[in-house]
Amino acid sequence: MAGTKNHEYHILPPDIVPLVTTLGALTFTSGMVLFMHDMPGGKFVPWLGLAILLAGMFSWFGKIVGEAHAGDHTPVVQLHQRYGMILFIASEVMFFVGWFWAFFDFSLFPTALTDVVAGQWPPKAIEAVMDPFNLPLLNTLILLCSGTTVTWAHHSLIHGDREGLKKGLWATILLGLLFSAIQAYEYAHAPFGFGGNTYGSAFYMATGFHGFHVIVGTIMLIVCLVRAYKGHFTPRQHFGFEAAAWYWHFVDVVWLFLFVAVYVWGGWGYPTH
């Protein structure tokens, strides 16, 4: 019979949302170039692009949720969604590899940058570094605890315990917000700034982008919490939550590498603030 579905794949109908999202991303990035070069439109175009981008993403994700409720996310579709999330996290891993590479290159070969760092690491311009066993250690414990609470939420969902799911998500979100607040305080009282030398630039780019990913992960978990209250997730179908949990664990692991490499090893033997 014509039009009969004889496969487990979900064929998407034509939609303008991907095009709108792409135009939003193009407008935002182009606007940021205008902003960074103090060109006309630099104060308006980025915000316009960001608004279009967020509206497109909100509509797109809403359609995906609607497809899940309509039964379009068959086991095969869910498997491919997991493949997509794995590839996305892999790309994020390579993103952070670049910042670690820069930090190790600057630290292990300082003589190649003698004019900048005076042949030592950290540079002489850095009078003191962050004490890794103060706020950074506290944030490490907070993120490790948040990994435990998001796992609690996941196991509660699998076993049909919706109250445990909500409590685990609440705890994880609060811990994520606490981490961000402590890092903001740490930045505000840091003994060195962003520019002027390779240590400050590498430190803030690596830890700052991680902080941004924590904020993104917290937003993802907040969305999951709202959906949990609406009863969206089931023990057999909850990829939206699973993807957010995977992302959160990725953020945890990156922080552990940052703590050991940047905070502890990167400033070992140097005066602390």
Foldseek 3Di string as FASTA:
>chain_A
DPPDDDDLAFDDDDDCLVVQLVVLVVQQVVLCVCLVVVHPNVVPRNVVSVVSNVVSVVVVVVVVLVCVVVVSCDVVNLVVVVVVLVVVLVVVVVVLVVLLVLLCCCAVAVVVVCVQQVSHAPRPVQQAFAQLPPLVVVLLVLLVVLLVLLVQLLVCQLVVNLVSVLVSLVSNLVSLVVSLVSVVVCQVPGSDAQDRHSLNVSLCVNVVVLNVLSVVLSVLSVVVNVVSVVVSGHSVDDVSSVSSSVSSVSSSVSSVCCSVVNNDVRQPPHHHD
